[in-house]
Protein backbone atom coordinates (compact mmCIF):
# COMPACT_ATOMS: atom_id res chain seq x y z
CA MET A 1 83.26 70.30 28.95
CA LEU A 2 82.29 73.51 27.13
CA ASP A 3 82.95 71.91 23.74
CA GLU A 4 80.80 68.92 24.71
CA ARG A 5 78.01 71.20 25.90
CA LYS A 6 78.15 73.17 22.64
CA LYS A 7 78.04 69.91 20.69
CA ILE A 8 74.91 68.82 22.58
CA MET A 9 73.26 72.20 22.02
CA ARG A 10 74.14 72.04 18.34
CA GLU A 11 72.70 68.54 17.88
CA LYS A 12 69.53 69.52 19.76
CA ALA A 13 69.04 72.68 17.70
CA ILE A 14 69.49 70.82 14.41
CA ARG A 15 67.28 67.92 15.45
CA GLU A 16 64.42 70.16 16.60
CA ARG A 17 64.54 72.26 13.42
CA VAL A 18 64.76 69.56 10.73
CA PHE A 19 63.74 66.32 12.46
CA PRO A 20 60.88 67.43 14.77
CA LYS A 21 59.52 64.86 17.21
CA ILE A 22 55.92 64.56 18.32
CA TRP A 23 56.87 65.39 21.93
CA ASP A 24 58.61 68.68 21.04
CA ALA A 25 56.86 71.75 22.43
CA SER A 26 57.29 73.53 19.09
CA PHE A 27 56.35 70.47 16.98
CA LEU A 28 53.21 72.02 15.45
CA LEU A 29 55.34 74.82 14.01
CA THR A 30 58.51 72.97 13.01
CA ASN A 31 56.64 69.99 11.54
CA SER A 32 54.59 72.34 9.35
CA ASN A 33 57.71 74.22 8.25
CA ILE A 34 59.77 71.14 7.42
CA LYS A 35 57.03 69.83 5.13
CA VAL A 36 57.46 72.96 3.02
CA PHE A 37 61.24 72.60 2.99
CA LEU A 38 60.98 68.96 1.89
CA HIS A 39 58.69 70.13 -0.92
CA LEU A 40 61.49 72.48 -1.95
CA LEU A 41 63.97 69.60 -2.08
CA ASN A 42 61.60 67.70 -4.36
CA LEU A 43 61.66 70.62 -6.82
CA LEU A 44 65.42 70.30 -7.31
CA ASN A 45 67.32 68.27 -9.89
CA LYS A 46 69.76 66.00 -8.06
CA GLU A 47 71.87 65.67 -11.18
CA LEU A 48 72.91 69.33 -10.93
CA LYS A 49 75.12 70.89 -8.28
CA VAL A 50 73.17 73.23 -6.01
CA ARG A 51 74.62 76.41 -4.52
CA ILE A 52 72.86 77.37 -1.29
CA LEU A 53 72.98 80.52 0.82
CA ASP A 54 71.63 80.35 4.37
CA ILE A 55 71.04 83.82 5.85
CA GLY A 56 70.83 83.62 9.63
CA CYS A 57 72.30 80.14 9.40
CA GLY A 58 73.05 79.42 13.07
CA TYR A 59 74.25 75.80 13.14
CA LYS A 60 73.29 75.30 9.47
CA PRO A 61 70.54 72.76 10.26
CA TYR A 62 69.26 72.49 6.69
CA MET A 63 72.65 71.38 5.41
CA THR A 64 71.90 68.06 7.14
CA LEU A 65 68.97 67.47 4.79
CA PHE A 66 71.03 68.11 1.65
CA GLU A 67 73.59 65.61 2.97
CA LYS A 68 70.88 63.09 3.85
CA GLU A 69 69.35 63.35 0.36
CA SER A 70 72.80 62.98 -1.30
CA PHE A 71 72.77 66.30 -3.15
CA ASP A 72 75.91 67.66 -4.79
CA PHE A 73 75.97 71.10 -3.17
CA GLU A 74 77.88 74.08 -1.85
CA TYR A 75 76.47 75.53 1.37
CA ILE A 76 77.39 79.03 2.55
CA GLY A 77 76.15 80.52 5.81
CA VAL A 78 75.74 84.14 6.88
CA ASP A 79 74.93 85.22 10.42
CA PHE A 80 75.17 88.15 12.83
CA ASN A 81 76.24 85.90 15.73
CA GLU A 82 79.97 85.17 15.90
CA ASN A 83 79.21 81.94 17.82
CA SER A 84 77.34 80.57 14.83
CA GLU A 85 78.84 78.39 12.11
CA ALA A 86 78.60 81.21 9.57
CA ASP A 87 81.17 81.61 6.83
CA PHE A 88 80.49 85.37 6.82
CA ILE A 89 79.55 87.54 9.81
CA LEU A 90 77.23 90.30 8.54
CA ASP A 91 74.48 92.60 9.78
CA MET A 92 71.70 92.00 7.27
CA ASN A 93 69.82 95.05 8.52
CA LYS A 94 72.26 97.13 6.48
CA ASP A 95 75.06 95.06 4.93
CA LYS A 96 75.26 93.97 1.34
CA LEU A 97 76.00 90.31 0.67
CA PRO A 98 79.57 89.78 -0.62
CA PHE A 99 78.37 87.80 -3.64
CA SER A 100 77.71 88.68 -7.25
CA ASP A 101 74.22 88.93 -8.74
CA SER A 102 72.48 85.67 -9.68
CA SER A 103 75.02 83.40 -7.97
CA PHE A 104 72.84 81.04 -5.85
CA ASP A 105 70.19 78.45 -6.64
CA ILE A 106 68.57 78.60 -3.19
CA VAL A 107 68.46 81.23 -0.46
CA ILE A 108 67.21 80.25 3.00
CA LEU A 109 65.80 82.74 5.52
CA SER A 110 64.51 80.47 8.27
CA GLU A 111 63.33 82.03 11.54
CA VAL A 112 65.44 85.12 10.88
CA LEU A 113 63.27 87.94 9.48
CA GLU A 114 61.60 88.54 12.87
CA HIS A 115 65.05 89.34 14.26
CA LEU A 116 65.82 92.07 11.70
CA TYR A 117 64.53 95.60 12.28
CA ASN A 118 65.12 96.25 8.55
CA PRO A 119 64.06 92.93 6.98
CA LEU A 120 63.60 94.35 3.47
CA ASN A 121 67.36 94.78 3.13
CA ALA A 122 67.84 91.03 3.64
CA ILE A 123 65.01 90.18 1.24
CA LYS A 124 66.33 92.57 -1.41
CA GLU A 125 69.81 91.06 -1.14
CA ALA A 126 68.42 87.52 -1.23
CA VAL A 127 66.60 88.28 -4.48
CA ARG A 128 69.67 89.97 -5.95
CA VAL A 129 72.00 86.99 -5.45
CA LEU A 130 69.38 84.42 -6.53
CA ARG A 131 69.61 82.99 -10.03
CA LYS A 132 66.66 83.10 -12.37
CA THR A 133 64.31 80.17 -11.61
CA GLY A 134 66.02 79.84 -8.21
CA TYR A 135 64.09 79.49 -4.93
CA ILE A 136 63.85 81.41 -1.67
CA TYR A 137 62.63 79.55 1.41
CA ILE A 138 61.34 81.69 4.28
CA SER A 139 59.83 80.63 7.59
CA THR A 140 58.71 82.90 10.43
CA PRO A 141 56.73 82.38 13.64
CA PHE A 142 53.46 84.20 14.31
CA VAL A 143 51.93 83.24 17.66
CA TYR A 144 55.17 82.66 19.54
CA HIS A 145 56.92 83.94 22.64
CA TYR A 146 59.70 86.54 22.48
CA HIS A 147 63.02 84.88 21.72
CA ASP A 148 66.63 85.96 21.21
CA ILE A 149 65.76 89.04 23.25
CA PRO A 150 66.26 91.93 22.55
CA TYR A 151 66.47 90.98 18.84
CA ASP A 152 62.82 90.07 18.30
CA PHE A 153 61.02 92.76 16.33
CA TYR A 154 58.20 91.47 14.10
CA ARG A 155 55.56 88.87 13.28
CA TYR A 156 54.52 88.35 9.62
CA THR A 157 51.31 87.40 7.82
CA GLU A 158 50.77 85.85 4.39
CA PHE A 159 49.72 89.32 3.21
CA PHE A 160 53.23 90.60 3.84
CA TYR A 161 54.65 87.77 1.73
CA LYS A 162 52.15 88.39 -1.06
CA ARG A 163 53.35 92.00 -1.14
CA VAL A 164 56.97 90.81 -1.19
CA ALA A 165 56.15 88.60 -4.18
CA GLU A 166 54.61 91.58 -6.02
CA ASP A 167 57.37 94.05 -5.18
CA PHE A 168 60.28 91.73 -6.00
CA SER A 169 58.73 89.92 -9.00
CA LEU A 170 58.60 86.55 -7.26
CA GLU A 171 56.15 83.69 -7.65
CA ILE A 172 54.75 81.94 -4.58
CA ILE A 173 55.18 78.22 -5.22
CA LYS A 174 53.95 76.94 -1.87
CA SER A 175 52.96 78.31 1.52
CA LYS A 176 51.77 76.60 4.66
CA LYS A 177 50.63 77.83 8.06
CA GLY A 178 50.82 75.78 11.24
CA CYS A 179 47.78 75.50 13.56
CA SER A 180 44.47 77.38 13.44
CA PHE A 181 42.00 79.03 15.81
CA PHE A 182 41.15 75.51 16.96
CA THR A 183 44.66 74.41 17.89
CA ILE A 184 46.68 77.50 18.85
CA PRO A 185 45.72 76.86 22.54
CA PHE A 186 47.48 73.47 22.36
CA PHE A 187 50.59 75.10 20.92
CA THR A 188 50.79 77.90 23.47
CA LEU A 189 50.15 75.52 26.37
CA ASN A 190 53.00 73.30 25.15
CA LEU A 191 55.36 76.28 25.10
CA LEU A 192 54.25 77.33 28.58
CA LEU A 193 54.58 73.84 30.08
CA SER A 194 57.95 73.29 28.44
CA THR A 195 59.25 76.56 29.90
CA VAL A 196 57.95 75.78 33.41
CA PHE A 197 59.23 72.20 33.51
CA SER A 198 62.55 73.29 32.07
CA LYS A 199 62.97 75.79 34.92
CA LEU A 200 62.16 73.00 37.36
CA LYS A 201 64.79 70.81 35.63
CA ALA A 202 62.09 68.19 35.10
CA LYS A 203 61.43 68.60 31.39
CA ILE A 204 61.21 64.85 30.79
CA PHE A 205 57.93 64.77 32.72
CA VAL A 206 56.23 67.15 30.29
CA TYR A 207 56.83 64.98 27.20
CA PRO A 208 53.68 62.80 27.63
CA ILE A 209 51.57 65.99 27.88
CA THR A 210 53.11 67.69 24.84
CA THR A 211 52.77 64.45 22.87
CA LEU A 212 49.06 64.23 23.75
CA PHE A 213 48.47 67.88 22.89
CA ASN A 214 50.33 67.61 19.56
CA ILE A 215 48.45 64.48 18.47
CA SER A 216 45.15 66.06 19.49
CA ALA A 217 45.94 69.25 17.58
CA LEU A 218 46.91 67.36 14.43
CA CYS A 219 43.69 65.34 14.52
CA ILE A 220 41.50 68.37 15.20
CA ASP A 221 43.04 70.45 12.41
CA SER A 222 42.94 67.55 9.97
CA PHE A 223 39.22 67.17 10.54
CA MET A 224 38.05 70.74 11.13
CA LEU A 225 40.09 72.43 8.39
CA LYS A 226 38.78 70.00 5.79
CA ILE A 227 35.25 70.99 6.75
CA ALA A 228 36.25 74.68 6.84
CA GLU A 229 37.80 74.43 3.37
CA LYS A 230 34.54 73.13 1.91
CA ALA A 231 32.75 76.06 3.55
CA GLY A 232 35.33 78.55 2.27
CA LEU A 233 36.49 79.37 5.81
CA LYS A 234 39.90 77.69 6.00
CA GLU A 235 41.92 80.85 5.28
CA LYS A 236 40.07 82.87 7.93
CA LEU A 237 40.43 80.13 10.53
CA GLN A 238 44.19 80.16 9.93
CA HIS A 239 44.48 83.89 10.43
CA MET A 240 45.46 82.68 13.89
CA ASN A 241 48.46 80.42 13.37
CA CYS A 242 51.79 79.54 14.97
CA GLY A 243 53.85 80.45 11.89
CA ILE A 244 54.21 80.29 8.15
CA ALA A 245 56.69 78.76 5.70
CA ILE A 246 56.81 79.80 2.08
CA ILE A 247 58.69 79.07 -1.15
CA PHE A 248 59.26 81.80 -3.71
CA LYS A 249 60.56 81.30 -7.25
CA LYS A 250 62.44 83.98 -9.13
CA ASN A 251 61.19 84.24 -12.70
CA VAL A 252 62.92 87.42 -13.92
């Protein structure tokens, strides 16, 4: 029974992270993030074997996408949690990765930096083990409830990542924020309703509401942010967002 329950939890966690559905409470965040990750996949040469390091890997959800896209790859996971599917259990607040310099083509740090009280150690190590012209994918929430308590320490802005790019000689290839001032209320209401209905063991009844809110938010942002961009206001209107995903390239 426990193994079956773990299997269900695993499938749910992977599905919500890499195959978000319109009725998911966190859809506006995960859908935005996965678009950036798919952009990363399009940057890769399928004729070459790809070596991937996933820091904070959990159930290794992104490995599913490399399998789906028929990449030739090696996927190594690192995590603090012994119940994860990590190949190496490490504390990335202080530990050094057990890999040589310039040994990976891609390093993934998805929804993990907010859980590290010393995130720069993980970033420094990620850059160290990344090959020249390799990519780092990072995603972090911004307007989001506390999670994995008590290991929830920070929220990050694009200005933090711009500083990371400067300090570690990285190039920002792509970044994307989910939601805006217009649509954050839809996102937070979805999270609230999902939590309440889950406690009532009636989560299925909230799906029509979250679907409506997600569709409404997508339509509103599509329209309003286009207008804001023409007026030079898009960046300011997304200073309130549900999270950011970003791709760095190592050029030195």
